[in-house]
Structure formats: structure tokens, C-alpha cells
């Protein structure tokens, strides 16, 4: 399999779990996937399955419009961002598609003063770290994970966060450890996620590796034609 073919496969596997964990609907079509989100400011998001800059340029012009988002892997972030801007999109901070085998994933215990609990339905797991002092609404950190793919091989993590007053205590690692351990027990073998810059640092410490940089943009109509 070519490098671009492998990237396409990984992107398809990631989006399948992402739409599951968020209860969206998606429709793969050639080199793209259209995700129906349905929010007033984010109605449809198009995910590109190739780093081809010409494909991206054509899509940016074709899908431009109110409440439209465009997400794509890239090997040339500056060119991709410029193309998006020229089509009227506003580009967000970069994100990264990441993966790692679940075997051997770190699973630290929560620090003193915290407990971790798992819940969720068959295909979606939720991990919450809460304070153990009996305070109502003692949520400190939380994360979600979808089990998807052939025979449930993939564990796609999403919306991993720690509340500001509880940061720098390793709670993100606790959430990820609880989710991946539970997914591995259910037969999942590979972890996938898309990380922000801050999240990337956490996941790299846990042994995740970058598959590709992702450019995320939403249409605002503020076109800046290319020179």
C-alpha cells in the first residue's frame, strides 16, 4: 500500500469512530467524507482523504458557503492555509492525526484526592475523574472513546479535557489510560485521535505518534485571493 493509500485508510478509520462518539452521520464519497453535524454554525464538515493540494484547492472553492467546514491532511500547511483563505475560509490552529497500539498503553492511577469512573454504551466509553471529597459536581477531567472498525479493532478518543483548576496533576493521562485499557479489554487494538497542539504534547508522552498534520477551516466569506 502506498503512503497516501495508508493515510486514506487511517483517516477513514478515524472519522468512523469520530462520528460514532459524537453521534454524527457521515457519507464517504471518493476522496472526501461529508459529515452532517447539523449545528447552525457547523452544518456540514468535509474531510479530505488526500494531501493532494490540487484536490484541496478544488474542494475549497466547491464546498465554500455558510456553516461549511473543511478538514484535510497536509504536507504543506502554509500552502493549504493560503488556499483556504483565498476561498473565504478562516483557518484554525493546526491539529494532528495520531495513533498508537493499545498494547502497553500507560494507565496511571488517579492521584490522591481523585477517583476515576467508566460509563457509556456499547460502542462509546466515557471516563470521568472526580474529586473524592464528596463535593457535588466534583468533575475534574473527562474523555470519550468510540470502539469502531472491523470487529471493533479501533479505539477513537475524542473530547479529552481537564478543568482548569485541576490541571498539571496528570489527570489527562489517567483518563486516557482508563479509556484505552477498557477498549483493549473489549478487543480494540489501535488507538486513533486528532489532537490540538496542547493535546499532542500529552499524547506523545503516552507513546502516540503523529500520522499527519491536519488543517481545519470554516467558511466566513472573507476571501483573500492568492497572489
C-alpha atoms as a PDB file:
ATOM      1  CA  UNK A   1       0.000   0.000   0.000  1.00  0.00           C
ATOM      2  CA  UNK A   2       1.308   3.462  -0.890  1.00  0.00           C
ATOM      3  CA  UNK A   3       1.872   6.079   1.794  1.00  0.00           C
ATOM      4  CA  UNK A   4      -1.128   8.078   0.552  1.00  0.00           C
ATOM      5  CA  UNK A   5      -3.222   4.908   0.477  1.00  0.00           C
ATOM      6  CA  UNK A   6      -2.302   4.125   4.070  1.00  0.00           C
ATOM      7  CA  UNK A   7      -3.131   7.692   5.144  1.00  0.00           C
ATOM      8  CA  UNK A   8      -6.513   7.435   3.425  1.00  0.00           C
ATOM      9  CA  UNK A   9      -7.245   4.211   5.324  1.00  0.00           C
ATOM     10  CA  UNK A  10      -6.256   5.731   8.670  1.00  0.00           C
ATOM     11  CA  UNK A  11      -8.372   8.836   8.035  1.00  0.00           C
ATOM     12  CA  UNK A  12     -11.400   6.724   7.160  1.00  0.00           C
ATOM     13  CA  UNK A  13     -10.947   4.663  10.309  1.00  0.00           C
ATOM     14  CA  UNK A  14     -10.549   7.762  12.478  1.00  0.00           C
ATOM     15  CA  UNK A  15     -13.645   9.503  11.082  1.00  0.00           C
ATOM     16  CA  UNK A  16     -15.730   6.344  11.549  1.00  0.00           C
ATOM     17  CA  UNK A  17     -15.001   6.453  15.273  1.00  0.00           C
ATOM     18  CA  UNK A  18     -15.280  10.238  15.491  1.00  0.00           C
ATOM     19  CA  UNK A  19     -18.804  10.308  14.062  1.00  0.00           C
ATOM     20  CA  UNK A  20     -19.755   7.420  16.359  1.00  0.00           C
ATOM     21  CA  UNK A  21     -18.556   9.125  19.527  1.00  0.00           C
ATOM     22  CA  UNK A  22     -20.322  12.374  18.577  1.00  0.00           C
ATOM     23  CA  UNK A  23     -23.421  10.745  17.068  1.00  0.00           C
ATOM     24  CA  UNK A  24     -22.932  12.414  13.686  1.00  0.00           C
ATOM     25  CA  UNK A  25     -23.714  10.950  10.265  1.00  0.00           C
ATOM     26  CA  UNK A  26     -21.112  10.642   7.511  1.00  0.00           C
ATOM     27  CA  UNK A  27     -21.086   9.727   3.827  1.00  0.00           C
ATOM     28  CA  UNK A  28     -17.760   8.778   2.174  1.00  0.00           C
ATOM     29  CA  UNK A  29     -17.600   9.863  -1.467  1.00  0.00           C
ATOM     30  CA  UNK A  30     -14.379   9.288  -3.384  1.00  0.00           C
ATOM     31  CA  UNK A  31     -11.607  11.372  -1.852  1.00  0.00           C
ATOM     32  CA  UNK A  32     -13.829  13.020   0.754  1.00  0.00           C
ATOM     33  CA  UNK A  33     -16.221  12.292   3.591  1.00  0.00           C
ATOM     34  CA  UNK A  34     -19.179  14.609   4.209  1.00  0.00           C
ATOM     35  CA  UNK A  35     -20.104  14.743   7.895  1.00  0.00           C
ATOM     36  CA  UNK A  36     -23.556  16.092   8.740  1.00  0.00           C
ATOM     37  CA  UNK A  37     -23.157  17.898  12.060  1.00  0.00           C
ATOM     38  CA  UNK A  38     -26.313  19.992  11.854  1.00  0.00           C
ATOM     39  CA  UNK A  39     -25.310  22.936  14.051  1.00  0.00           C
ATOM     40  CA  UNK A  40     -26.204  26.459  12.887  1.00  0.00           C
ATOM     41  CA  UNK A  41     -22.524  27.431  12.619  1.00  0.00           C
ATOM     42  CA  UNK A  42     -21.239  23.979  11.610  1.00  0.00           C
ATOM     43  CA  UNK A  43     -23.787  22.282   9.413  1.00  0.00           C
ATOM     44  CA  UNK A  44     -21.574  20.121   7.194  1.00  0.00           C
ATOM     45  CA  UNK A  45     -17.875  19.319   7.545  1.00  0.00           C
ATOM     46  CA  UNK A  46     -15.959  17.895   4.597  1.00  0.00           C
ATOM     47  CA  UNK A  47     -12.988  15.689   5.479  1.00  0.00           C
ATOM     48  CA  UNK A  48     -10.409  15.285   2.725  1.00  0.00           C
ATOM     49  CA  UNK A  49      -8.697  11.892   2.436  1.00  0.00           C
ATOM     50  CA  UNK A  50      -5.624  13.028   0.471  1.00  0.00           C
ATOM     51  CA  UNK A  51      -2.792  15.531   0.777  1.00  0.00           C
ATOM     52  CA  UNK A  52      -3.109  16.436  -2.928  1.00  0.00           C
ATOM     53  CA  UNK A  53      -3.023  20.276  -2.988  1.00  0.00           C
ATOM     54  CA  UNK A  54      -4.936  20.478  -6.273  1.00  0.00           C
ATOM     55  CA  UNK A  55      -7.748  18.352  -4.848  1.00  0.00           C
ATOM     56  CA  UNK A  56      -7.878  20.617  -1.799  1.00  0.00           C
ATOM     57  CA  UNK A  57      -7.993  23.773  -3.907  1.00  0.00           C
ATOM     58  CA  UNK A  58     -10.917  22.474  -5.942  1.00  0.00           C
ATOM     59  CA  UNK A  59     -12.804  21.385  -2.845  1.00  0.00           C
ATOM     60  CA  UNK A  60     -12.254  24.692  -1.058  1.00  0.00           C
ATOM     61  CA  UNK A  61     -13.997  26.504  -3.904  1.00  0.00           C
ATOM     62  CA  UNK A  62     -16.715  23.870  -4.298  1.00  0.00           C
ATOM     63  CA  UNK A  63     -17.802  23.468  -0.669  1.00  0.00           C
ATOM     64  CA  UNK A  64     -17.487  27.135   0.318  1.00  0.00           C
ATOM     65  CA  UNK A  65     -20.637  28.506   1.921  1.00  0.00           C
ATOM     66  CA  UNK A  66     -22.260  29.395   5.240  1.00  0.00           C
ATOM     67  CA  UNK A  67     -21.773  26.885   8.068  1.00  0.00           C
ATOM     68  CA  UNK A  68     -19.323  24.814   5.985  1.00  0.00           C
ATOM     69  CA  UNK A  69     -16.119  23.396   7.438  1.00  0.00           C
ATOM     70  CA  UNK A  70     -13.172  21.782   5.670  1.00  0.00           C
ATOM     71  CA  UNK A  71     -10.625  19.467   7.309  1.00  0.00           C
ATOM     72  CA  UNK A  72      -7.668  17.978   5.465  1.00  0.00           C
ATOM     73  CA  UNK A  73      -4.293  16.329   5.954  1.00  0.00           C
ATOM     74  CA  UNK A  74      -1.383  18.331   4.584  1.00  0.00           C
ATOM     75  CA  UNK A  75       2.319  18.150   3.877  1.00  0.00           C
ATOM     76  CA  UNK A  76       2.433  21.889   3.142  1.00  0.00           C
ATOM     77  CA  UNK A  77       0.427  23.703   5.837  1.00  0.00           C
ATOM     78  CA  UNK A  78       1.240  27.188   4.584  1.00  0.00           C
ATOM     79  CA  UNK A  79       0.047  26.457   1.057  1.00  0.00           C
ATOM     80  CA  UNK A  80      -3.080  24.707   2.308  1.00  0.00           C
ATOM     81  CA  UNK A  81      -3.913  27.591   4.650  1.00  0.00           C
ATOM     82  CA  UNK A  82      -3.391  30.122   1.866  1.00  0.00           C
ATOM     83  CA  UNK A  83      -5.681  28.149  -0.451  1.00  0.00           C
ATOM     84  CA  UNK A  84      -8.373  28.004   2.232  1.00  0.00           C
ATOM     85  CA  UNK A  85      -8.110  31.724   2.918  1.00  0.00           C
ATOM     86  CA  UNK A  86      -8.391  32.522  -0.783  1.00  0.00           C
ATOM     87  CA  UNK A  87     -11.687  30.603  -0.886  1.00  0.00           C
ATOM     88  CA  UNK A  88     -13.123  32.556   2.051  1.00  0.00           C
ATOM     89  CA  UNK A  89     -12.265  30.158   4.870  1.00  0.00           C
ATOM     90  CA  UNK A  90     -10.824  31.100   8.259  1.00  0.00           C
ATOM     91  CA  UNK A  91      -8.096  28.667   9.320  1.00  0.00           C
ATOM     92  CA  UNK A  92      -7.909  27.368  12.876  1.00  0.00           C
ATOM     93  CA  UNK A  93      -4.863  26.358  14.884  1.00  0.00           C
ATOM     94  CA  UNK A  94      -3.219  23.207  13.457  1.00  0.00           C
ATOM     95  CA  UNK A  95      -4.244  19.758  14.662  1.00  0.00           C
ATOM     96  CA  UNK A  96      -2.598  16.345  14.300  1.00  0.00           C
ATOM     97  CA  UNK A  97      -3.906  12.884  13.464  1.00  0.00           C
ATOM     98  CA  UNK A  98      -2.182  10.456  15.847  1.00  0.00           C
ATOM     99  CA  UNK A  99      -2.111   6.720  16.503  1.00  0.00           C
ATOM    100  CA  UNK A 100      -0.581   4.059  18.731  1.00  0.00           C
ATOM    101  CA  UNK A 101      -1.059   0.378  19.540  1.00  0.00           C
ATOM    102  CA  UNK A 102      -3.176  -0.073  22.655  1.00  0.00           C
ATOM    103  CA  UNK A 103      -0.932  -2.829  23.989  1.00  0.00           C
ATOM    104  CA  UNK A 104       1.248  -1.407  26.730  1.00  0.00           C
ATOM    105  CA  UNK A 105      -0.524   1.957  26.875  1.00  0.00           C
ATOM    106  CA  UNK A 106       0.289   3.692  30.203  1.00  0.00           C
ATOM    107  CA  UNK A 107      -2.605   3.547  32.681  1.00  0.00           C
ATOM    108  CA  UNK A 108      -1.645   5.559  35.763  1.00  0.00           C
ATOM    109  CA  UNK A 109      -3.772   5.515  38.887  1.00  0.00           C
ATOM    110  CA  UNK A 110      -5.500   8.776  39.829  1.00  0.00           C
ATOM    111  CA  UNK A 111      -3.536  10.917  42.304  1.00  0.00           C
ATOM    112  CA  UNK A 112      -4.595  11.332  45.913  1.00  0.00           C
ATOM    113  CA  UNK A 113      -7.937  13.091  46.188  1.00  0.00           C
ATOM    114  CA  UNK A 114      -9.355  11.753  42.923  1.00  0.00           C
ATOM    115  CA  UNK A 115     -11.244   8.720  41.629  1.00  0.00           C
ATOM    116  CA  UNK A 116     -11.852   7.543  38.065  1.00  0.00           C
ATOM    117  CA  UNK A 117     -15.116   6.023  36.818  1.00  0.00           C
ATOM    118  CA  UNK A 118     -16.122   4.457  33.494  1.00  0.00           C
ATOM    119  CA  UNK A 119     -19.559   4.547  31.907  1.00  0.00           C
ATOM    120  CA  UNK A 120     -21.143   4.655  28.451  1.00  0.00           C
ATOM    121  CA  UNK A 121     -22.976   2.491  25.965  1.00  0.00           C
ATOM    122  CA  UNK A 122     -21.805  -0.461  23.886  1.00  0.00           C
ATOM    123  CA  UNK A 123     -19.725   1.411  21.324  1.00  0.00           C
ATOM    124  CA  UNK A 124     -18.865   4.567  23.285  1.00  0.00           C
ATOM    125  CA  UNK A 125     -16.979   4.717  26.573  1.00  0.00           C
ATOM    126  CA  UNK A 126     -16.788   7.699  28.917  1.00  0.00           C
ATOM    127  CA  UNK A 127     -14.129   8.149  31.601  1.00  0.00           C
ATOM    128  CA  UNK A 128     -14.518  10.748  34.347  1.00  0.00           C
ATOM    129  CA  UNK A 129     -12.017  11.753  37.008  1.00  0.00           C
ATOM    130  CA  UNK A 130     -13.815  13.220  40.011  1.00  0.00           C
ATOM    131  CA  UNK A 131     -12.780  14.537  43.392  1.00  0.00           C
ATOM    132  CA  UNK A 132     -13.318  12.074  46.223  1.00  0.00           C
ATOM    133  CA  UNK A 133     -14.229  14.701  48.840  1.00  0.00           C
ATOM    134  CA  UNK A 134     -17.978  14.366  48.349  1.00  0.00           C
ATOM    135  CA  UNK A 135     -18.337  17.786  46.765  1.00  0.00           C
ATOM    136  CA  UNK A 136     -21.282  17.918  44.367  1.00  0.00           C
ATOM    137  CA  UNK A 137     -20.319  18.174  40.720  1.00  0.00           C
ATOM    138  CA  UNK A 138     -16.711  17.324  41.510  1.00  0.00           C
ATOM    139  CA  UNK A 139     -15.759  16.666  37.880  1.00  0.00           C
ATOM    140  CA  UNK A 140     -12.052  17.255  37.253  1.00  0.00           C
ATOM    141  CA  UNK A 141     -11.361  15.608  33.867  1.00  0.00           C
ATOM    142  CA  UNK A 142     -13.284  13.674  31.248  1.00  0.00           C
ATOM    143  CA  UNK A 143     -12.864  11.852  27.946  1.00  0.00           C
ATOM    144  CA  UNK A 144     -14.789   9.840  25.362  1.00  0.00           C
ATOM    145  CA  UNK A 145     -13.811   6.907  23.167  1.00  0.00           C
ATOM    146  CA  UNK A 146     -15.588   5.032  20.396  1.00  0.00           C
ATOM    147  CA  UNK A 147     -14.888   1.406  19.538  1.00  0.00           C
ATOM    148  CA  UNK A 148     -15.267   1.013  15.783  1.00  0.00           C
ATOM    149  CA  UNK A 149     -13.852  -0.616  12.677  1.00  0.00           C
ATOM    150  CA  UNK A 150     -13.757  -4.236  11.567  1.00  0.00           C
ATOM    151  CA  UNK A 151     -14.544  -6.386  14.594  1.00  0.00           C
ATOM    152  CA  UNK A 152     -14.074  -3.347  16.826  1.00  0.00           C
ATOM    153  CA  UNK A 153     -10.345  -3.027  16.124  1.00  0.00           C
ATOM    154  CA  UNK A 154     -10.095   0.749  16.600  1.00  0.00           C
ATOM    155  CA  UNK A 155     -10.382   2.915  19.699  1.00  0.00           C
ATOM    156  CA  UNK A 156     -11.006   6.538  18.679  1.00  0.00           C
ATOM    157  CA  UNK A 157     -10.522   9.005  21.531  1.00  0.00           C
ATOM    158  CA  UNK A 158     -12.251  12.387  21.495  1.00  0.00           C
ATOM    159  CA  UNK A 159     -13.035  15.393  23.705  1.00  0.00           C
ATOM    160  CA  UNK A 160     -10.374  14.704  26.337  1.00  0.00           C
ATOM    161  CA  UNK A 161     -10.245  17.636  28.741  1.00  0.00           C
ATOM    162  CA  UNK A 162      -9.227  18.687  32.244  1.00  0.00           C
ATOM    163  CA  UNK A 163     -10.929  21.580  34.013  1.00  0.00           C
ATOM    164  CA  UNK A 164      -8.520  24.496  34.575  1.00  0.00           C
ATOM    165  CA  UNK A 165      -8.289  24.253  38.362  1.00  0.00           C
ATOM    166  CA  UNK A 166      -7.303  20.576  38.159  1.00  0.00           C
ATOM    167  CA  UNK A 167      -4.577  20.815  35.525  1.00  0.00           C
ATOM    168  CA  UNK A 168      -0.914  19.798  35.924  1.00  0.00           C
ATOM    169  CA  UNK A 169      -1.851  16.761  38.011  1.00  0.00           C
ATOM    170  CA  UNK A 170      -1.675  14.098  35.315  1.00  0.00           C
ATOM    171  CA  UNK A 171      -5.434  13.682  35.049  1.00  0.00           C
ATOM    172  CA  UNK A 172      -5.413  13.637  31.251  1.00  0.00           C
ATOM    173  CA  UNK A 173      -3.114  10.611  31.392  1.00  0.00           C
ATOM    174  CA  UNK A 174      -5.477   8.966  33.884  1.00  0.00           C
ATOM    175  CA  UNK A 175      -8.439   9.492  31.534  1.00  0.00           C
ATOM    176  CA  UNK A 176      -6.547   8.141  28.525  1.00  0.00           C
ATOM    177  CA  UNK A 177      -5.279   5.154  30.496  1.00  0.00           C
ATOM    178  CA  UNK A 178      -8.753   4.235  31.703  1.00  0.00           C
ATOM    179  CA  UNK A 179     -10.291   4.564  28.239  1.00  0.00           C
ATOM    180  CA  UNK A 180      -7.607   2.627  26.370  1.00  0.00           C
ATOM    181  CA  UNK A 181      -7.480  -0.147  28.969  1.00  0.00           C
ATOM    182  CA  UNK A 182     -11.242  -0.607  28.740  1.00  0.00           C
ATOM    183  CA  UNK A 183     -11.118  -0.564  24.928  1.00  0.00           C
ATOM    184  CA  UNK A 184      -8.321  -3.162  24.885  1.00  0.00           C
ATOM    185  CA  UNK A 185     -10.372  -5.412  27.151  1.00  0.00           C
ATOM    186  CA  UNK A 186     -13.147  -5.229  24.531  1.00  0.00           C
ATOM    187  CA  UNK A 187     -10.758  -6.317  21.776  1.00  0.00           C
ATOM    188  CA  UNK A 188      -9.641  -2.990  20.276  1.00  0.00           C
ATOM    189  CA  UNK A 189      -6.022  -2.943  19.121  1.00  0.00           C
ATOM    190  CA  UNK A 190      -5.260   0.502  17.680  1.00  0.00           C
ATOM    191  CA  UNK A 191      -5.830   3.946  19.123  1.00  0.00           C
ATOM    192  CA  UNK A 192      -6.638   6.923  16.867  1.00  0.00           C
ATOM    193  CA  UNK A 193      -7.348  10.581  17.624  1.00  0.00           C
ATOM    194  CA  UNK A 194      -6.938  14.125  16.358  1.00  0.00           C
ATOM    195  CA  UNK A 195      -5.074  16.350  18.805  1.00  0.00           C
ATOM    196  CA  UNK A 196      -4.642  20.048  19.375  1.00  0.00           C
ATOM    197  CA  UNK A 197      -1.153  21.400  19.951  1.00  0.00           C
ATOM    198  CA  UNK A 198      -1.542  21.111  23.723  1.00  0.00           C
ATOM    199  CA  UNK A 199      -3.066  17.651  23.463  1.00  0.00           C
ATOM    200  CA  UNK A 200      -0.292  16.477  21.159  1.00  0.00           C
ATOM    201  CA  UNK A 201       2.283  17.014  23.911  1.00  0.00           C
ATOM    202  CA  UNK A 202       0.276  14.838  26.305  1.00  0.00           C
ATOM    203  CA  UNK A 203      -0.260  12.053  23.794  1.00  0.00           C
ATOM    204  CA  UNK A 204       3.376  11.971  22.713  1.00  0.00           C
ATOM    205  CA  UNK A 205       4.353  11.424  26.347  1.00  0.00           C
ATOM    206  CA  UNK A 206       1.971   8.452  26.312  1.00  0.00           C
ATOM    207  CA  UNK A 207       3.624   6.958  23.222  1.00  0.00           C
ATOM    208  CA  UNK A 208       1.320   8.208  20.465  1.00  0.00           C
ATOM    209  CA  UNK A 209       2.871   9.208  17.134  1.00  0.00           C
ATOM    210  CA  UNK A 210       1.835  11.734  14.505  1.00  0.00           C
ATOM    211  CA  UNK A 211       0.383  10.387  11.274  1.00  0.00           C
ATOM    212  CA  UNK A 212      -0.144  13.779   9.621  1.00  0.00           C
ATOM    213  CA  UNK A 213      -0.805  17.438  10.305  1.00  0.00           C
ATOM    214  CA  UNK A 214      -4.426  18.492   9.757  1.00  0.00           C
ATOM    215  CA  UNK A 215      -5.680  21.881   8.569  1.00  0.00           C
ATOM    216  CA  UNK A 216      -9.133  22.802   9.892  1.00  0.00           C
ATOM    217  CA  UNK A 217     -11.026  25.784   8.475  1.00  0.00           C
ATOM    218  CA  UNK A 218     -14.547  27.161   8.428  1.00  0.00           C
ATOM    219  CA  UNK A 219     -16.085  29.407   5.785  1.00  0.00           C
ATOM    220  CA  UNK A 220     -16.593  33.061   6.736  1.00  0.00           C
ATOM    221  CA  UNK A 221     -16.699  34.591   3.254  1.00  0.00           C
ATOM    222  CA  UNK A 222     -13.611  36.680   3.917  1.00  0.00           C
ATOM    223  CA  UNK A 223     -11.731  35.737   0.755  1.00  0.00           C
ATOM    224  CA  UNK A 224      -8.123  36.782   0.304  1.00  0.00           C
ATOM    225  CA  UNK A 225      -7.189  35.985  -3.323  1.00  0.00           C
ATOM    226  CA  UNK A 226      -3.825  34.336  -3.879  1.00  0.00           C
ATOM    227  CA  UNK A 227      -1.153  36.496  -5.470  1.00  0.00           C
END
